[in-house]
Amino acid sequence: MLTCKDQVAAASDYLDGQLSFRKTFMVRHHLLFCSNCRRFIRQMRLVQATLREMPEEGVPDVDAFAERLSSERHKTP
């Protein structure tokens, strides 16, 4: 079984789908039993989603953009 430290080290590759079947299984097994790592993975997914939503060019009104992202986040289950 993976330790939390191993899980954190593999988190990015796990979310990107770049782990082997065996390693993916080990990560998922760890997540079944570790609520802290599940929370960490949820936070990582949120960061990835936020980064995907950010425009390539600068944002003229950063506060309005942050507010929109926050309101969209609260709408999703």
PDB file of N, CA and C in Angstrom:
ATOM      1  N   MET A   1       0.841  -1.186   0.000  1.00  0.00           N
ATOM      2  CA  MET A   1       0.000   0.000   0.000  1.00  0.00           C
ATOM      3  C   MET A   1       0.888   1.252   0.000  1.00  0.00           C
ATOM      4  N   LEU A   2       0.437   2.260  -0.679  1.00  0.00           N
ATOM      5  CA  LEU A   2       1.186   3.514  -0.739  1.00  0.00           C
ATOM      6  C   LEU A   2       1.069   4.285   0.569  1.00  0.00           C
ATOM      7  N   THR A   3       2.082   5.052   0.863  1.00  0.00           N
ATOM      8  CA  THR A   3       1.999   5.990   1.966  1.00  0.00           C
ATOM      9  C   THR A   3       1.416   7.290   1.423  1.00  0.00           C
ATOM     10  N   CYS A   4       1.035   8.185   2.310  1.00  0.00           N
ATOM     11  CA  CYS A   4       0.523   9.489   1.873  1.00  0.00           C
ATOM     12  C   CYS A   4       1.593  10.239   1.083  1.00  0.00           C
ATOM     13  N   LYS A   5       2.840  10.119   1.503  1.00  0.00           N
ATOM     14  CA  LYS A   5       3.937  10.778   0.794  1.00  0.00           C
ATOM     15  C   LYS A   5       4.055  10.238  -0.631  1.00  0.00           C
ATOM     16  N   ASP A   6       3.934   8.923  -0.809  1.00  0.00           N
ATOM     17  CA  ASP A   6       3.962   8.323  -2.146  1.00  0.00           C
ATOM     18  C   ASP A   6       2.787   8.806  -2.984  1.00  0.00           C
ATOM     19  N   GLN A   7       1.627   8.905  -2.341  1.00  0.00           N
ATOM     20  CA  GLN A   7       0.412   9.345  -3.024  1.00  0.00           C
ATOM     21  C   GLN A   7       0.568  10.770  -3.552  1.00  0.00           C
ATOM     22  N   VAL A   8       1.095  11.647  -2.724  1.00  0.00           N
ATOM     23  CA  VAL A   8       1.287  13.036  -3.131  1.00  0.00           C
ATOM     24  C   VAL A   8       2.269  13.108  -4.299  1.00  0.00           C
ATOM     25  N   ALA A   9       3.330  12.305  -4.236  1.00  0.00           N
ATOM     26  CA  ALA A   9       4.328  12.299  -5.313  1.00  0.00           C
ATOM     27  C   ALA A   9       3.729  11.818  -6.633  1.00  0.00           C
ATOM     28  N   ALA A  10       2.754  10.913  -6.564  1.00  0.00           N
ATOM     29  CA  ALA A  10       2.155  10.354  -7.777  1.00  0.00           C
ATOM     30  C   ALA A  10       0.900  11.101  -8.216  1.00  0.00           C
ATOM     31  N   ALA A  11       0.441  12.069  -7.453  1.00  0.00           N
ATOM     32  CA  ALA A  11      -0.852  12.719  -7.705  1.00  0.00           C
ATOM     33  C   ALA A  11      -0.949  13.353  -9.089  1.00  0.00           C
ATOM     34  N   SER A  12       0.053  14.087  -9.481  1.00  0.00           N
ATOM     35  CA  SER A  12      -0.004  14.775 -10.772  1.00  0.00           C
ATOM     36  C   SER A  12      -0.080  13.774 -11.931  1.00  0.00           C
ATOM     37  N   ASP A  13       0.755  12.755 -11.893  1.00  0.00           N
ATOM     38  CA  ASP A  13       0.721  11.730 -12.941  1.00  0.00           C
ATOM     39  C   ASP A  13      -0.598  10.968 -12.916  1.00  0.00           C
ATOM     40  N   TYR A  14      -1.142  10.731 -11.731  1.00  0.00           N
ATOM     41  CA  TYR A  14      -2.434  10.059 -11.608  1.00  0.00           C
ATOM     42  C   TYR A  14      -3.531  10.883 -12.274  1.00  0.00           C
ATOM     43  N   LEU A  15      -3.586  12.169 -11.969  1.00  0.00           N
ATOM     44  CA  LEU A  15      -4.624  13.027 -12.536  1.00  0.00           C
ATOM     45  C   LEU A  15      -4.464  13.194 -14.047  1.00  0.00           C
ATOM     46  N   ASP A  16      -3.233  13.099 -14.528  1.00  0.00           N
ATOM     47  CA  ASP A  16      -2.984  13.217 -15.967  1.00  0.00           C
ATOM     48  C   ASP A  16      -3.137  11.889 -16.697  1.00  0.00           C
ATOM     49  N   GLY A  17      -3.427  10.815 -15.961  1.00  0.00           N
ATOM     50  CA  GLY A  17      -3.596   9.498 -16.574  1.00  0.00           C
ATOM     51  C   GLY A  17      -2.299   8.905 -17.089  1.00  0.00           C
ATOM     52  N   GLN A  18      -1.193   9.211 -16.442  1.00  0.00           N
ATOM     53  CA  GLN A  18       0.111   8.776 -16.930  1.00  0.00           C
ATOM     54  C   GLN A  18       0.722   7.645 -16.110  1.00  0.00           C
ATOM     55  N   LEU A  19      -0.041   7.052 -15.206  1.00  0.00           N
ATOM     56  CA  LEU A  19       0.485   5.959 -14.394  1.00  0.00           C
ATOM     57  C   LEU A  19       0.169   4.615 -15.043  1.00  0.00           C
ATOM     58  N   SER A  20       0.989   3.632 -14.719  1.00  0.00           N
ATOM     59  CA  SER A  20       0.718   2.271 -15.178  1.00  0.00           C
ATOM     60  C   SER A  20      -0.544   1.761 -14.489  1.00  0.00           C
ATOM     61  N   PHE A  21      -1.080   0.668 -15.005  1.00  0.00           N
ATOM     62  CA  PHE A  21      -2.278   0.080 -14.403  1.00  0.00           C
ATOM     63  C   PHE A  21      -2.026  -0.259 -12.941  1.00  0.00           C
ATOM     64  N   ARG A  22      -0.890  -0.877 -12.660  1.00  0.00           N
ATOM     65  CA  ARG A  22      -0.550  -1.285 -11.294  1.00  0.00           C
ATOM     66  C   ARG A  22      -0.472  -0.085 -10.354  1.00  0.00           C
ATOM     67  N   LYS A  23       0.220   0.960 -10.796  1.00  0.00           N
ATOM     68  CA  LYS A  23       0.380   2.154  -9.951  1.00  0.00           C
ATOM     69  C   LYS A  23      -0.962   2.863  -9.762  1.00  0.00           C
ATOM     70  N   THR A  24      -1.773   2.931 -10.808  1.00  0.00           N
ATOM     71  CA  THR A  24      -3.103   3.533 -10.704  1.00  0.00           C
ATOM     72  C   THR A  24      -3.951   2.774  -9.691  1.00  0.00           C
ATOM     73  N   PHE A  25      -3.882   1.446  -9.746  1.00  0.00           N
ATOM     74  CA  PHE A  25      -4.610   0.620  -8.789  1.00  0.00           C
ATOM     75  C   PHE A  25      -4.159   0.916  -7.368  1.00  0.00           C
ATOM     76  N   MET A  26      -2.859   1.039  -7.171  1.00  0.00           N
ATOM     77  CA  MET A  26      -2.318   1.319  -5.842  1.00  0.00           C
ATOM     78  C   MET A  26      -2.792   2.684  -5.333  1.00  0.00           C
ATOM     79  N   VAL A  27      -2.800   3.678  -6.216  1.00  0.00           N
ATOM     80  CA  VAL A  27      -3.266   5.015  -5.832  1.00  0.00           C
ATOM     81  C   VAL A  27      -4.742   4.962  -5.451  1.00  0.00           C
ATOM     82  N   ARG A  28      -5.556   4.313  -6.260  1.00  0.00           N
ATOM     83  CA  ARG A  28      -6.993   4.238  -5.969  1.00  0.00           C
ATOM     84  C   ARG A  28      -7.255   3.471  -4.676  1.00  0.00           C
ATOM     85  N   HIS A  29      -6.486   2.426  -4.448  1.00  0.00           N
ATOM     86  CA  HIS A  29      -6.629   1.664  -3.204  1.00  0.00           C
ATOM     87  C   HIS A  29      -6.331   2.558  -2.001  1.00  0.00           C
ATOM     88  N   HIS A  30      -5.268   3.340  -2.094  1.00  0.00           N
ATOM     89  CA  HIS A  30      -4.922   4.268  -1.010  1.00  0.00           C
ATOM     90  C   HIS A  30      -6.044   5.294  -0.797  1.00  0.00           C
ATOM     91  N   LEU A  31      -6.595   5.802  -1.888  1.00  0.00           N
ATOM     92  CA  LEU A  31      -7.648   6.813  -1.782  1.00  0.00           C
ATOM     93  C   LEU A  31      -8.918   6.272  -1.118  1.00  0.00           C
ATOM     94  N   LEU A  32      -9.154   4.960  -1.245  1.00  0.00           N
ATOM     95  CA  LEU A  32     -10.314   4.361  -0.587  1.00  0.00           C
ATOM     96  C   LEU A  32     -10.251   4.515   0.929  1.00  0.00           C
ATOM     97  N   PHE A  33      -9.039   4.501   1.462  1.00  0.00           N
ATOM     98  CA  PHE A  33      -8.878   4.481   2.908  1.00  0.00           C
ATOM     99  C   PHE A  33      -8.369   5.784   3.516  1.00  0.00           C
ATOM    100  N   CYS A  34      -7.951   6.725   2.702  1.00  0.00           N
ATOM    101  CA  CYS A  34      -7.324   7.935   3.236  1.00  0.00           C
ATOM    102  C   CYS A  34      -8.120   9.185   2.832  1.00  0.00           C
ATOM    103  N   SER A  35      -8.869   9.720   3.767  1.00  0.00           N
ATOM    104  CA  SER A  35      -9.690  10.896   3.471  1.00  0.00           C
ATOM    105  C   SER A  35      -8.832  12.141   3.219  1.00  0.00           C
ATOM    106  N   ASN A  36      -7.675  12.225   3.843  1.00  0.00           N
ATOM    107  CA  ASN A  36      -6.802  13.382   3.607  1.00  0.00           C
ATOM    108  C   ASN A  36      -6.291  13.398   2.173  1.00  0.00           C
ATOM    109  N   CYS A  37      -5.915  12.249   1.655  1.00  0.00           N
ATOM    110  CA  CYS A  37      -5.437  12.194   0.276  1.00  0.00           C
ATOM    111  C   CYS A  37      -6.578  12.398  -0.722  1.00  0.00           C
ATOM    112  N   ARG A  38      -7.780  11.926  -0.381  1.00  0.00           N
ATOM    113  CA  ARG A  38      -8.935  12.208  -1.245  1.00  0.00           C
ATOM    114  C   ARG A  38      -9.167  13.708  -1.325  1.00  0.00           C
ATOM    115  N   ARG A  39      -9.063  14.386  -0.201  1.00  0.00           N
ATOM    116  CA  ARG A  39      -9.228  15.844  -0.175  1.00  0.00           C
ATOM    117  C   ARG A  39      -8.141  16.501  -1.024  1.00  0.00           C
ATOM    118  N   PHE A  40      -6.912  16.017  -0.898  1.00  0.00           N
ATOM    119  CA  PHE A  40      -5.803  16.559  -1.674  1.00  0.00           C
ATOM    120  C   PHE A  40      -6.059  16.397  -3.177  1.00  0.00           C
ATOM    121  N   ILE A  41      -6.535  15.235  -3.592  1.00  0.00           N
ATOM    122  CA  ILE A  41      -6.821  14.990  -5.011  1.00  0.00           C
ATOM    123  C   ILE A  41      -7.946  15.903  -5.488  1.00  0.00           C
ATOM    124  N   ARG A  42      -8.978  16.101  -4.658  1.00  0.00           N
ATOM    125  CA  ARG A  42     -10.061  17.035  -5.032  1.00  0.00           C
ATOM    126  C   ARG A  42      -9.517  18.440  -5.221  1.00  0.00           C
ATOM    127  N   GLN A  43      -8.626  18.860  -4.331  1.00  0.00           N
ATOM    128  CA  GLN A  43      -8.021  20.187  -4.450  1.00  0.00           C
ATOM    129  C   GLN A  43      -7.178  20.292  -5.715  1.00  0.00           C
ATOM    130  N   MET A  44      -6.433  19.247  -6.031  1.00  0.00           N
ATOM    131  CA  MET A  44      -5.622  19.245  -7.251  1.00  0.00           C
ATOM    132  C   MET A  44      -6.507  19.333  -8.492  1.00  0.00           C
ATOM    133  N   ARG A  45      -7.628  18.620  -8.479  1.00  0.00           N
ATOM    134  CA  ARG A  45      -8.563  18.683  -9.615  1.00  0.00           C
ATOM    135  C   ARG A  45      -9.129  20.092  -9.760  1.00  0.00           C
ATOM    136  N   LEU A  46      -9.437  20.729  -8.645  1.00  0.00           N
ATOM    137  CA  LEU A  46      -9.952  22.097  -8.673  1.00  0.00           C
ATOM    138  C   LEU A  46      -8.908  23.055  -9.243  1.00  0.00           C
ATOM    139  N   VAL A  47      -7.661  22.896  -8.844  1.00  0.00           N
ATOM    140  CA  VAL A  47      -6.578  23.742  -9.380  1.00  0.00           C
ATOM    141  C   VAL A  47      -6.454  23.531 -10.880  1.00  0.00           C
ATOM    142  N   GLN A  48      -6.480  22.267 -11.325  1.00  0.00           N
ATOM    143  CA  GLN A  48      -6.386  21.994 -12.759  1.00  0.00           C
ATOM    144  C   GLN A  48      -7.543  22.632 -13.517  1.00  0.00           C
ATOM    145  N   ALA A  49      -8.752  22.499 -12.996  1.00  0.00           N
ATOM    146  CA  ALA A  49      -9.924  23.073 -13.661  1.00  0.00           C
ATOM    147  C   ALA A  49      -9.826  24.595 -13.711  1.00  0.00           C
ATOM    148  N   THR A  50      -9.355  25.204 -12.642  1.00  0.00           N
ATOM    149  CA  THR A  50      -9.193  26.657 -12.606  1.00  0.00           C
ATOM    150  C   THR A  50      -8.166  27.107 -13.636  1.00  0.00           C
ATOM    151  N   LEU A  51      -7.064  26.394 -13.711  1.00  0.00           N
ATOM    152  CA  LEU A  51      -6.025  26.759 -14.681  1.00  0.00           C
ATOM    153  C   LEU A  51      -6.516  26.602 -16.113  1.00  0.00           C
ATOM    154  N   ARG A  52      -7.342  25.580 -16.372  1.00  0.00           N
ATOM    155  CA  ARG A  52      -7.889  25.404 -17.723  1.00  0.00           C
ATOM    156  C   ARG A  52      -8.823  26.551 -18.093  1.00  0.00           C
ATOM    157  N   GLU A  53      -9.520  27.120 -17.112  1.00  0.00           N
ATOM    158  CA  GLU A  53     -10.461  28.207 -17.360  1.00  0.00           C
ATOM    159  C   GLU A  53      -9.779  29.561 -17.549  1.00  0.00           C
ATOM    160  N   MET A  54      -8.558  29.669 -17.105  1.00  0.00           N
ATOM    161  CA  MET A  54      -7.873  30.957 -17.207  1.00  0.00           C
ATOM    162  C   MET A  54      -7.493  31.235 -18.664  1.00  0.00           C
ATOM    163  N   PRO A  55      -7.744  32.424 -19.107  1.00  0.00           N
ATOM    164  CA  PRO A  55      -7.393  32.773 -20.483  1.00  0.00           C
ATOM    165  C   PRO A  55      -5.880  32.900 -20.650  1.00  0.00           C
ATOM    166  N   GLU A  56      -5.430  32.702 -21.860  1.00  0.00           N
ATOM    167  CA  GLU A  56      -4.003  32.815 -22.164  1.00  0.00           C
ATOM    168  C   GLU A  56      -3.510  34.255 -21.964  1.00  0.00           C
ATOM    169  N   GLU A  57      -4.300  35.210 -22.430  1.00  0.00           N
ATOM    170  CA  GLU A  57      -3.920  36.616 -22.264  1.00  0.00           C
ATOM    171  C   GLU A  57      -4.298  37.090 -20.865  1.00  0.00           C
ATOM    172  N   GLY A  58      -3.849  38.223 -20.493  1.00  0.00           N
ATOM    173  CA  GLY A  58      -4.147  38.764 -19.168  1.00  0.00           C
ATOM    174  C   GLY A  58      -5.632  39.012 -18.968  1.00  0.00           C
ATOM    175  N   VAL A  59      -6.048  39.039 -17.744  1.00  0.00           N
ATOM    176  CA  VAL A  59      -7.445  39.288 -17.401  1.00  0.00           C
ATOM    177  C   VAL A  59      -7.570  40.744 -16.985  1.00  0.00           C
ATOM    178  N   PRO A  60      -8.412  41.520 -17.687  1.00  0.00           N
ATOM    179  CA  PRO A  60      -8.522  42.936 -17.348  1.00  0.00           C
ATOM    180  C   PRO A  60      -9.103  43.173 -15.949  1.00  0.00           C
ATOM    181  N   ASP A  61     -10.090  42.380 -15.558  1.00  0.00           N
ATOM    182  CA  ASP A  61     -10.706  42.551 -14.243  1.00  0.00           C
ATOM    183  C   ASP A  61     -10.576  41.239 -13.466  1.00  0.00           C
ATOM    184  N   VAL A  62      -9.475  41.080 -12.769  1.00  0.00           N
ATOM    185  CA  VAL A  62      -9.164  39.841 -12.060  1.00  0.00           C
ATOM    186  C   VAL A  62     -10.214  39.527 -11.001  1.00  0.00           C
ATOM    187  N   ASP A  63     -10.697  40.543 -10.293  1.00  0.00           N
ATOM    188  CA  ASP A  63     -11.689  40.305  -9.245  1.00  0.00           C
ATOM    189  C   ASP A  63     -12.978  39.736  -9.817  1.00  0.00           C
ATOM    190  N   ALA A  64     -13.444  40.262 -10.929  1.00  0.00           N
ATOM    191  CA  ALA A  64     -14.672  39.752 -11.551  1.00  0.00           C
ATOM    192  C   ALA A  64     -14.457  38.321 -12.040  1.00  0.00           C
ATOM    193  N   PHE A  65     -13.289  38.048 -12.586  1.00  0.00           N
ATOM    194  CA  PHE A  65     -12.965  36.706 -13.060  1.00  0.00           C
ATOM    195  C   PHE A  65     -12.960  35.719 -11.886  1.00  0.00           C
ATOM    196  N   ALA A  66     -12.344  36.087 -10.778  1.00  0.00           N
ATOM    197  CA  ALA A  66     -12.288  35.228  -9.590  1.00  0.00           C
ATOM    198  C   ALA A  66     -13.690  34.992  -9.035  1.00  0.00           C
ATOM    199  N   GLU A  67     -14.520  36.020  -9.042  1.00  0.00           N
ATOM    200  CA  GLU A  67     -15.893  35.892  -8.555  1.00  0.00           C
ATOM    201  C   GLU A  67     -16.687  34.931  -9.433  1.00  0.00           C
ATOM    202  N   ARG A  68     -16.501  35.025 -10.753  1.00  0.00           N
ATOM    203  CA  ARG A  68     -17.202  34.127 -11.681  1.00  0.00           C
ATOM    204  C   ARG A  68     -16.778  32.679 -11.440  1.00  0.00           C
ATOM    205  N   LEU A  69     -15.481  32.443 -11.287  1.00  0.00           N
ATOM    206  CA  LEU A  69     -15.003  31.092 -11.026  1.00  0.00           C
ATOM    207  C   LEU A  69     -15.563  30.553  -9.714  1.00  0.00           C
ATOM    208  N   SER A  70     -15.609  31.405  -8.707  1.00  0.00           N
ATOM    209  CA  SER A  70     -16.131  30.995  -7.410  1.00  0.00           C
ATOM    210  C   SER A  70     -17.609  30.635  -7.501  1.00  0.00           C
ATOM    211  N   SER A  71     -18.388  31.443  -8.185  1.00  0.00           N
ATOM    212  CA  SER A  71     -19.819  31.155  -8.301  1.00  0.00           C
ATOM    213  C   SER A  71     -20.062  29.888  -9.117  1.00  0.00           C
ATOM    214  N   GLU A  72     -19.252  29.649 -10.151  1.00  0.00           N
ATOM    215  CA  GLU A  72     -19.387  28.421 -10.931  1.00  0.00           C
ATOM    216  C   GLU A  72     -19.012  27.212 -10.089  1.00  0.00           C
ATOM    217  N   ARG A  73     -18.026  27.356  -9.246  1.00  0.00           N
ATOM    218  CA  ARG A  73     -17.591  26.254  -8.384  1.00  0.00           C
ATOM    219  C   ARG A  73     -18.697  25.855  -7.413  1.00  0.00           C
ATOM    220  N   HIS A  74     -19.425  26.826  -6.901  1.00  0.00           N
ATOM    221  CA  HIS A  74     -20.474  26.540  -5.933  1.00  0.00           C
ATOM    222  C   HIS A  74     -21.724  25.935  -6.595  1.00  0.00           C
ATOM    223  N   LYS A  75     -21.841  26.084  -7.901  1.00  0.00           N
ATOM    224  CA  LYS A  75     -22.973  25.509  -8.618  1.00  0.00           C
ATOM    225  C   LYS A  75     -22.795  24.018  -8.836  1.00  0.00           C
ATOM    226  N   THR A  76     -21.561  23.567  -9.025  1.00  0.00           N
ATOM    227  CA  THR A  76     -21.295  22.157  -9.317  1.00  0.00           C
ATOM    228  C   THR A  76     -21.314  21.332  -8.039  1.00  0.00           C
ATOM    229  N   PRO A  77     -21.899  20.138  -8.139  1.00  0.00           N
ATOM    230  CA  PRO A  77     -21.999  19.277  -6.952  1.00  0.00           C
ATOM    231  C   PRO A  77     -20.680  18.736  -6.491  1.00  0.00           C
TER     232      PRO A  77
END
